[in-house]
Amino acid sequence: MTITIPLVFIIAVVAYACYRYMGLRLWHLIVCLLLGFLLAATSAAPEIQNLLNTLIHGGHK
């Protein structure tokens, strides 16, 4: 699955909104970012990519 710039932008906007309006602390955001990088290096990464692909494309391949 190729992550496109619009998807990254949407996730960044949601993260900023959570930081700005929902009381998410900056260190929470950093921990979540580090968790994402660590998950990408595990054997769970392909399954996570498949899940995201299914959610984005509505189950159609």
PDB file of N, CA and C in Angstrom:
ATOM      1  N   MET A   1       0.842  -1.178   0.000  1.00  0.00           N
ATOM      2  CA  MET A   1       0.000   0.000   0.000  1.00  0.00           C
ATOM      3  C   MET A   1       0.881   1.234   0.000  1.00  0.00           C
ATOM      4  N   THR A   2       0.594   2.129  -0.876  1.00  0.00           N
ATOM      5  CA  THR A   2       1.313   3.383  -0.937  1.00  0.00           C
ATOM      6  C   THR A   2       0.524   4.430  -0.172  1.00  0.00           C
ATOM      7  N   ILE A   3       1.186   5.057   0.786  1.00  0.00           N
ATOM      8  CA  ILE A   3       0.542   6.123   1.541  1.00  0.00           C
ATOM      9  C   ILE A   3       0.682   7.400   0.728  1.00  0.00           C
ATOM     10  N   THR A   4      -0.424   8.028   0.436  1.00  0.00           N
ATOM     11  CA  THR A   4      -0.392   9.227  -0.372  1.00  0.00           C
ATOM     12  C   THR A   4      -0.275  10.465   0.504  1.00  0.00           C
ATOM     13  N   ILE A   5       0.162  11.542  -0.097  1.00  0.00           N
ATOM     14  CA  ILE A   5       0.306  12.807   0.622  1.00  0.00           C
ATOM     15  C   ILE A   5      -1.034  13.275   1.189  1.00  0.00           C
ATOM     16  N   PRO A   6      -2.161  13.187   0.455  1.00  0.00           N
ATOM     17  CA  PRO A   6      -3.425  13.618   1.062  1.00  0.00           C
ATOM     18  C   PRO A   6      -3.792  12.841   2.331  1.00  0.00           C
ATOM     19  N   LEU A   7      -3.517  11.532   2.364  1.00  0.00           N
ATOM     20  CA  LEU A   7      -3.819  10.748   3.558  1.00  0.00           C
ATOM     21  C   LEU A   7      -2.950  11.209   4.723  1.00  0.00           C
ATOM     22  N   VAL A   8      -1.682  11.440   4.476  1.00  0.00           N
ATOM     23  CA  VAL A   8      -0.789  11.936   5.525  1.00  0.00           C
ATOM     24  C   VAL A   8      -1.257  13.310   5.997  1.00  0.00           C
ATOM     25  N   PHE A   9      -1.689  14.155   5.070  1.00  0.00           N
ATOM     26  CA  PHE A   9      -2.173  15.488   5.420  1.00  0.00           C
ATOM     27  C   PHE A   9      -3.428  15.402   6.288  1.00  0.00           C
ATOM     28  N   ILE A  10      -4.356  14.527   5.944  1.00  0.00           N
ATOM     29  CA  ILE A  10      -5.585  14.370   6.721  1.00  0.00           C
ATOM     30  C   ILE A  10      -5.273  13.895   8.133  1.00  0.00           C
ATOM     31  N   ILE A  11      -4.374  12.922   8.247  1.00  0.00           N
ATOM     32  CA  ILE A  11      -4.001  12.428   9.577  1.00  0.00           C
ATOM     33  C   ILE A  11      -3.294  13.515  10.378  1.00  0.00           C
ATOM     34  N   ALA A  12      -2.461  14.315   9.717  1.00  0.00           N
ATOM     35  CA  ALA A  12      -1.786  15.423  10.397  1.00  0.00           C
ATOM     36  C   ALA A  12      -2.794  16.460  10.884  1.00  0.00           C
ATOM     37  N   VAL A  13      -3.810  16.753  10.094  1.00  0.00           N
ATOM     38  CA  VAL A  13      -4.843  17.716  10.498  1.00  0.00           C
ATOM     39  C   VAL A  13      -5.626  17.182  11.691  1.00  0.00           C
ATOM     40  N   VAL A  14      -5.961  15.900  11.675  1.00  0.00           N
ATOM     41  CA  VAL A  14      -6.673  15.301  12.807  1.00  0.00           C
ATOM     42  C   VAL A  14      -5.805  15.349  14.066  1.00  0.00           C
ATOM     43  N   ALA A  15      -4.528  15.026  13.933  1.00  0.00           N
ATOM     44  CA  ALA A  15      -3.621  15.072  15.091  1.00  0.00           C
ATOM     45  C   ALA A  15      -3.511  16.493  15.632  1.00  0.00           C
ATOM     46  N   TYR A  16      -3.418  17.478  14.733  1.00  0.00           N
ATOM     47  CA  TYR A  16      -3.347  18.869  15.176  1.00  0.00           C
ATOM     48  C   TYR A  16      -4.642  19.281  15.884  1.00  0.00           C
ATOM     49  N   ALA A  17      -5.784  18.870  15.331  1.00  0.00           N
ATOM     50  CA  ALA A  17      -7.067  19.201  15.959  1.00  0.00           C
ATOM     51  C   ALA A  17      -7.162  18.589  17.351  1.00  0.00           C
ATOM     52  N   CYS A  18      -6.691  17.354  17.498  1.00  0.00           N
ATOM     53  CA  CYS A  18      -6.684  16.718  18.822  1.00  0.00           C
ATOM     54  C   CYS A  18      -5.767  17.469  19.776  1.00  0.00           C
ATOM     55  N   TYR A  19      -4.622  17.918  19.274  1.00  0.00           N
ATOM     56  CA  TYR A  19      -3.677  18.671  20.096  1.00  0.00           C
ATOM     57  C   TYR A  19      -4.279  20.012  20.507  1.00  0.00           C
ATOM     58  N   ARG A  20      -4.906  20.671  19.558  1.00  0.00           N
ATOM     59  CA  ARG A  20      -5.403  22.029  19.785  1.00  0.00           C
ATOM     60  C   ARG A  20      -6.696  22.066  20.598  1.00  0.00           C
ATOM     61  N   TYR A  21      -7.642  21.184  20.278  1.00  0.00           N
ATOM     62  CA  TYR A  21      -8.985  21.319  20.830  1.00  0.00           C
ATOM     63  C   TYR A  21      -9.395  20.231  21.820  1.00  0.00           C
ATOM     64  N   MET A  22      -8.683  19.114  21.846  1.00  0.00           N
ATOM     65  CA  MET A  22      -9.107  18.016  22.712  1.00  0.00           C
ATOM     66  C   MET A  22      -8.155  17.783  23.881  1.00  0.00           C
ATOM     67  N   GLY A  23      -7.175  18.633  24.033  1.00  0.00           N
ATOM     68  CA  GLY A  23      -6.280  18.534  25.168  1.00  0.00           C
ATOM     69  C   GLY A  23      -5.159  17.520  25.023  1.00  0.00           C
ATOM     70  N   LEU A  24      -4.906  17.068  23.796  1.00  0.00           N
ATOM     71  CA  LEU A  24      -3.795  16.155  23.570  1.00  0.00           C
ATOM     72  C   LEU A  24      -2.494  16.902  23.832  1.00  0.00           C
ATOM     73  N   ARG A  25      -1.675  16.361  24.656  1.00  0.00           N
ATOM     74  CA  ARG A  25      -0.395  17.005  24.966  1.00  0.00           C
ATOM     75  C   ARG A  25       0.618  16.675  23.879  1.00  0.00           C
ATOM     76  N   LEU A  26       1.605  17.539  23.731  1.00  0.00           N
ATOM     77  CA  LEU A  26       2.627  17.348  22.704  1.00  0.00           C
ATOM     78  C   LEU A  26       3.376  16.046  22.919  1.00  0.00           C
ATOM     79  N   TRP A  27       3.657  15.691  24.154  1.00  0.00           N
ATOM     80  CA  TRP A  27       4.397  14.452  24.388  1.00  0.00           C
ATOM     81  C   TRP A  27       3.547  13.235  24.044  1.00  0.00           C
ATOM     82  N   HIS A  28       2.215  13.325  24.169  1.00  0.00           N
ATOM     83  CA  HIS A  28       1.339  12.232  23.730  1.00  0.00           C
ATOM     84  C   HIS A  28       1.476  12.035  22.227  1.00  0.00           C
ATOM     85  N   LEU A  29       1.500  13.154  21.513  1.00  0.00           N
ATOM     86  CA  LEU A  29       1.634  13.111  20.062  1.00  0.00           C
ATOM     87  C   LEU A  29       2.968  12.483  19.655  1.00  0.00           C
ATOM     88  N   ILE A  30       4.025  12.822  20.360  1.00  0.00           N
ATOM     89  CA  ILE A  30       5.347  12.269  20.063  1.00  0.00           C
ATOM     90  C   ILE A  30       5.381  10.770  20.351  1.00  0.00           C
ATOM     91  N   VAL A  31       4.766  10.357  21.454  1.00  0.00           N
ATOM     92  CA  VAL A  31       4.716   8.924  21.781  1.00  0.00           C
ATOM     93  C   VAL A  31       3.955   8.162  20.702  1.00  0.00           C
ATOM     94  N   CYS A  32       2.844   8.711  20.236  1.00  0.00           N
ATOM     95  CA  CYS A  32       2.079   8.051  19.170  1.00  0.00           C
ATOM     96  C   CYS A  32       2.892   7.973  17.882  1.00  0.00           C
ATOM     97  N   LEU A  33       3.643   9.008  17.567  1.00  0.00           N
ATOM     98  CA  LEU A  33       4.501   9.007  16.384  1.00  0.00           C
ATOM     99  C   LEU A  33       5.577   7.931  16.493  1.00  0.00           C
ATOM    100  N   LEU A  34       6.204   7.832  17.645  1.00  0.00           N
ATOM    101  CA  LEU A  34       7.224   6.801  17.855  1.00  0.00           C
ATOM    102  C   LEU A  34       6.614   5.401  17.788  1.00  0.00           C
ATOM    103  N   LEU A  35       5.429   5.227  18.333  1.00  0.00           N
ATOM    104  CA  LEU A  35       4.754   3.938  18.251  1.00  0.00           C
ATOM    105  C   LEU A  35       4.510   3.553  16.795  1.00  0.00           C
ATOM    106  N   GLY A  36       4.112   4.509  15.980  1.00  0.00           N
ATOM    107  CA  GLY A  36       3.899   4.230  14.560  1.00  0.00           C
ATOM    108  C   GLY A  36       5.170   3.762  13.874  1.00  0.00           C
ATOM    109  N   PHE A  37       6.288   4.423  14.149  1.00  0.00           N
ATOM    110  CA  PHE A  37       7.555   4.008  13.562  1.00  0.00           C
ATOM    111  C   PHE A  37       7.967   2.620  14.043  1.00  0.00           C
ATOM    112  N   LEU A  38       7.763   2.340  15.317  1.00  0.00           N
ATOM    113  CA  LEU A  38       8.128   1.030  15.846  1.00  0.00           C
ATOM    114  C   LEU A  38       7.229  -0.068  15.279  1.00  0.00           C
ATOM    115  N   LEU A  39       5.934   0.205  15.139  1.00  0.00           N
ATOM    116  CA  LEU A  39       5.034  -0.780  14.546  1.00  0.00           C
ATOM    117  C   LEU A  39       5.402  -1.073  13.093  1.00  0.00           C
ATOM    118  N   ALA A  40       5.876  -0.061  12.387  1.00  0.00           N
ATOM    119  CA  ALA A  40       6.258  -0.251  10.982  1.00  0.00           C
ATOM    120  C   ALA A  40       7.435  -1.212  10.845  1.00  0.00           C
ATOM    121  N   ALA A  41       8.209  -1.384  11.899  1.00  0.00           N
ATOM    122  CA  ALA A  41       9.380  -2.256  11.849  1.00  0.00           C
ATOM    123  C   ALA A  41       9.077  -3.669  12.343  1.00  0.00           C
ATOM    124  N   THR A  42       7.840  -3.948  12.727  1.00  0.00           N
ATOM    125  CA  THR A  42       7.498  -5.269  13.245  1.00  0.00           C
ATOM    126  C   THR A  42       6.863  -6.139  12.168  1.00  0.00           C
ATOM    127  N   SER A  43       6.627  -7.383  12.517  1.00  0.00           N
ATOM    128  CA  SER A  43       5.960  -8.285  11.582  1.00  0.00           C
ATOM    129  C   SER A  43       4.471  -7.973  11.461  1.00  0.00           C
ATOM    130  N   ALA A  44       3.959  -7.086  12.294  1.00  0.00           N
ATOM    131  CA  ALA A  44       2.553  -6.684  12.215  1.00  0.00           C
ATOM    132  C   ALA A  44       2.312  -5.639  11.127  1.00  0.00           C
ATOM    133  N   ALA A  45       3.366  -5.050  10.589  1.00  0.00           N
ATOM    134  CA  ALA A  45       3.227  -3.981   9.601  1.00  0.00           C
ATOM    135  C   ALA A  45       2.407  -4.390   8.378  1.00  0.00           C
ATOM    136  N   PRO A  46       2.630  -5.571   7.762  1.00  0.00           N
ATOM    137  CA  PRO A  46       1.808  -5.935   6.607  1.00  0.00           C
ATOM    138  C   PRO A  46       0.317  -6.068   6.936  1.00  0.00           C
ATOM    139  N   GLU A  47       0.012  -6.587   8.117  1.00  0.00           N
ATOM    140  CA  GLU A  47      -1.388  -6.711   8.515  1.00  0.00           C
ATOM    141  C   GLU A  47      -2.025  -5.345   8.730  1.00  0.00           C
ATOM    142  N   ILE A  48      -1.273  -4.423   9.313  1.00  0.00           N
ATOM    143  CA  ILE A  48      -1.779  -3.066   9.512  1.00  0.00           C
ATOM    144  C   ILE A  48      -2.005  -2.398   8.160  1.00  0.00           C
ATOM    145  N   GLN A  49      -1.090  -2.604   7.230  1.00  0.00           N
ATOM    146  CA  GLN A  49      -1.247  -2.046   5.886  1.00  0.00           C
ATOM    147  C   GLN A  49      -2.463  -2.633   5.186  1.00  0.00           C
ATOM    148  N   ASN A  50      -2.681  -3.927   5.341  1.00  0.00           N
ATOM    149  CA  ASN A  50      -3.862  -4.558   4.746  1.00  0.00           C
ATOM    150  C   ASN A  50      -5.144  -3.990   5.345  1.00  0.00           C
ATOM    151  N   LEU A  51      -5.157  -3.782   6.651  1.00  0.00           N
ATOM    152  CA  LEU A  51      -6.321  -3.214   7.318  1.00  0.00           C
ATOM    153  C   LEU A  51      -6.599  -1.806   6.808  1.00  0.00           C
ATOM    154  N   LEU A  52      -5.566  -0.982   6.729  1.00  0.00           N
ATOM    155  CA  LEU A  52      -5.741   0.377   6.221  1.00  0.00           C
ATOM    156  C   LEU A  52      -6.209   0.375   4.771  1.00  0.00           C
ATOM    157  N   ASN A  53      -5.637  -0.521   3.976  1.00  0.00           N
ATOM    158  CA  ASN A  53      -6.031  -0.622   2.578  1.00  0.00           C
ATOM    159  C   ASN A  53      -7.504  -1.008   2.463  1.00  0.00           C
ATOM    160  N   THR A  54      -7.943  -1.942   3.287  1.00  0.00           N
ATOM    161  CA  THR A  54      -9.341  -2.366   3.282  1.00  0.00           C
ATOM    162  C   THR A  54     -10.258  -1.214   3.711  1.00  0.00           C
ATOM    163  N   LEU A  55      -9.852  -0.483   4.732  1.00  0.00           N
ATOM    164  CA  LEU A  55     -10.676   0.643   5.194  1.00  0.00           C
ATOM    165  C   LEU A  55     -10.758   1.748   4.153  1.00  0.00           C
ATOM    166  N   ILE A  56      -9.644   2.034   3.501  1.00  0.00           N
ATOM    167  CA  ILE A  56      -9.622   3.120   2.516  1.00  0.00           C
ATOM    168  C   ILE A  56     -10.393   2.751   1.269  1.00  0.00           C
ATOM    169  N   HIS A  57     -10.230   1.540   0.800  1.00  0.00           N
ATOM    170  CA  HIS A  57     -10.859   1.125  -0.451  1.00  0.00           C
ATOM    171  C   HIS A  57     -12.193   0.425  -0.241  1.00  0.00           C
ATOM    172  N   GLY A  58     -12.653   0.345   0.973  1.00  0.00           N
ATOM    173  CA  GLY A  58     -13.967  -0.236   1.241  1.00  0.00           C
ATOM    174  C   GLY A  58     -14.041  -1.729   1.000  1.00  0.00           C
ATOM    175  N   GLY A  59     -12.931  -2.433   1.130  1.00  0.00           N
ATOM    176  CA  GLY A  59     -12.934  -3.883   0.954  1.00  0.00           C
ATOM    177  C   GLY A  59     -12.778  -4.337  -0.488  1.00  0.00           C
ATOM    178  N   HIS A  60     -12.732  -3.398  -1.428  1.00  0.00           N
ATOM    179  CA  HIS A  60     -12.568  -3.752  -2.842  1.00  0.00           C
ATOM    180  C   HIS A  60     -11.113  -3.650  -3.240  1.00  0.00           C
ATOM    181  N   LYS A  61     -10.626  -4.673  -3.928  1.00  0.00           N
ATOM    182  CA  LYS A  61      -9.234  -4.652  -4.395  1.00  0.00           C
ATOM    183  C   LYS A  61      -9.182  -4.520  -5.883  1.00  0.00           C
TER     184      LYS A  61
END
